[in-house]
Amino acid sequence: MAYEIPVTQARAELADLINRVVYGGERVVVTRHGKPLVALVSAADLERLEELGRQEAVEEQPEVISTVSSVRSLSSAAGEQQRFGIAAQHRDPAAGDRRPGRGK
C-alpha cells in the first residue's frame, strides 16, 4: 500500500518524500481533496511500469498475415457492376494500357 499525503503537506515535505521513495522503497500518492493526484515512485519502478506498458502494447497488436497461400480472381456476379454503378472493369496488367496513345 502506498503512503498518501495531501498536496499542501507534500509541498512542504518534498525532500523527505523523495528520500522515502528512493531509500525506503515506498510509494507515495499525493492527494487533493482526498483524491489521488500524482504518485512518486522510484526510477526502477517507473522502468518496470514502462516495460509492462510496452509488453501490453505488443500483445494488443492485431496479428498480421505475412503470406498468402493462393490468389484467385473473382468475377462479379451478373448485374453487380450495374447495380453499384461501377463503370470500370479490371483488366489483367499483362494486357497493357488500353487508353488512347498508351497501347502496346
Protein backbone atom coordinates (compact mmCIF):
# COMPACT_ATOMS: atom_id res chain seq x y z
CA MET A 1 0.00 0.00 0.00
CA ALA A 2 1.22 3.48 -0.84
CA TYR A 3 1.67 6.29 1.62
CA GLU A 4 -0.91 9.04 0.96
CA ILE A 5 -0.26 12.69 1.65
CA PRO A 6 -2.18 15.89 0.81
CA VAL A 7 -0.60 18.13 -1.82
CA THR A 8 -0.19 21.03 0.62
CA GLN A 9 1.78 18.84 3.03
CA ALA A 10 3.73 17.23 0.16
CA ARG A 11 4.99 20.65 -0.95
CA ALA A 12 6.45 21.28 2.47
CA GLU A 13 7.97 17.78 2.78
CA LEU A 14 9.12 17.10 -0.79
CA ALA A 15 12.75 16.33 0.10
CA ASP A 16 11.66 13.89 2.81
CA LEU A 17 9.17 12.22 0.44
CA ILE A 18 11.86 11.76 -2.21
CA ASN A 19 14.12 10.10 0.38
CA ARG A 20 11.29 7.78 1.45
CA VAL A 21 10.79 6.72 -2.17
CA VAL A 22 14.47 6.38 -3.12
CA TYR A 23 15.91 4.90 0.06
CA GLY A 24 12.85 3.44 1.80
CA GLY A 25 11.34 1.84 -1.30
CA GLU A 26 7.98 3.44 -0.52
CA ARG A 27 5.42 4.67 -3.00
CA VAL A 28 3.80 8.00 -2.23
CA VAL A 29 0.42 9.12 -3.54
CA VAL A 30 -0.19 12.86 -3.39
CA THR A 31 -3.87 13.71 -2.97
CA ARG A 32 -6.04 16.78 -3.47
CA HIS A 33 -9.39 16.85 -1.66
CA GLY A 34 -8.84 13.18 -0.78
CA LYS A 35 -8.50 12.07 -4.42
CA PRO A 36 -5.23 10.72 -5.86
CA LEU A 37 -3.43 13.35 -7.93
CA VAL A 38 0.07 12.02 -8.63
CA ALA A 39 2.35 9.27 -7.40
CA LEU A 40 6.01 9.32 -6.52
CA VAL A 41 7.74 6.07 -7.44
CA SER A 42 11.37 5.09 -7.78
CA ALA A 43 13.09 5.19 -11.16
CA ALA A 44 13.30 1.38 -11.06
CA ASP A 45 9.52 1.12 -10.51
CA LEU A 46 8.96 3.53 -13.38
CA GLU A 47 11.13 1.42 -15.70
CA ARG A 48 9.12 -1.69 -14.73
CA LEU A 49 5.84 0.12 -15.41
CA GLU A 50 7.07 1.32 -18.81
CA GLU A 51 8.22 -2.20 -19.73
CA LEU A 52 4.81 -3.60 -18.78
CA GLY A 53 3.18 -0.94 -20.94
CA ARG A 54 5.37 -1.90 -23.91
CA GLN A 55 4.55 -5.59 -23.44
CA GLU A 56 0.82 -4.84 -23.30
CA ALA A 57 1.05 -2.74 -26.46
CA VAL A 58 2.75 -5.61 -28.30
CA GLU A 59 0.17 -8.12 -27.08
CA GLU A 60 -2.71 -5.89 -28.20
CA GLN A 61 -1.44 -5.51 -31.77
CA PRO A 62 -3.50 -7.49 -34.24
CA GLU A 63 -1.85 -10.41 -35.94
CA VAL A 64 -0.51 -9.61 -39.35
CA ILE A 65 -0.87 -12.09 -42.15
CA SER A 66 2.55 -12.31 -43.70
CA THR A 67 1.90 -14.69 -46.58
CA VAL A 68 -0.89 -15.53 -48.94
CA SER A 69 -1.18 -19.16 -49.94
CA SER A 70 -3.11 -18.57 -53.16
CA VAL A 71 -4.66 -15.75 -55.12
CA ARG A 72 -7.52 -16.22 -57.50
CA SER A 73 -9.55 -13.74 -59.43
CA LEU A 74 -13.20 -13.32 -58.62
CA SER A 75 -15.65 -12.19 -61.21
CA SER A 76 -18.60 -10.06 -60.18
CA ALA A 77 -21.97 -11.68 -60.11
CA ALA A 78 -24.13 -10.86 -63.10
CA GLY A 79 -25.51 -7.34 -62.84
CA GLU A 80 -23.44 -6.33 -59.77
CA GLN A 81 -21.41 -3.78 -61.69
CA GLN A 82 -24.55 -2.05 -62.93
CA ARG A 83 -26.27 -2.37 -59.55
CA PHE A 84 -23.50 -0.48 -57.77
CA GLY A 85 -22.78 1.91 -60.64
CA ILE A 86 -19.32 0.52 -61.34
CA ALA A 87 -18.27 1.59 -64.82
CA ALA A 88 -14.64 0.43 -64.84
CA GLN A 89 -13.57 -3.13 -65.27
CA HIS A 90 -10.38 -4.72 -64.02
CA ARG A 91 -8.01 -5.82 -66.73
CA ASP A 92 -5.00 -8.04 -66.38
CA PRO A 93 -1.86 -5.83 -66.22
CA ALA A 94 -0.31 -8.04 -68.90
CA ALA A 95 -2.98 -6.83 -71.35
CA GLY A 96 -1.38 -3.37 -71.33
CA ASP A 97 -2.80 0.10 -71.02
CA ARG A 98 -5.72 0.48 -73.47
CA ARG A 99 -6.11 4.23 -73.14
CA PRO A 100 -5.61 6.11 -76.41
CA GLY A 101 -1.95 6.67 -77.15
CA ARG A 102 -0.74 4.19 -74.48
CA GLY A 103 -1.29 0.82 -76.10
CA LYS A 104 1.26 -1.93 -76.53
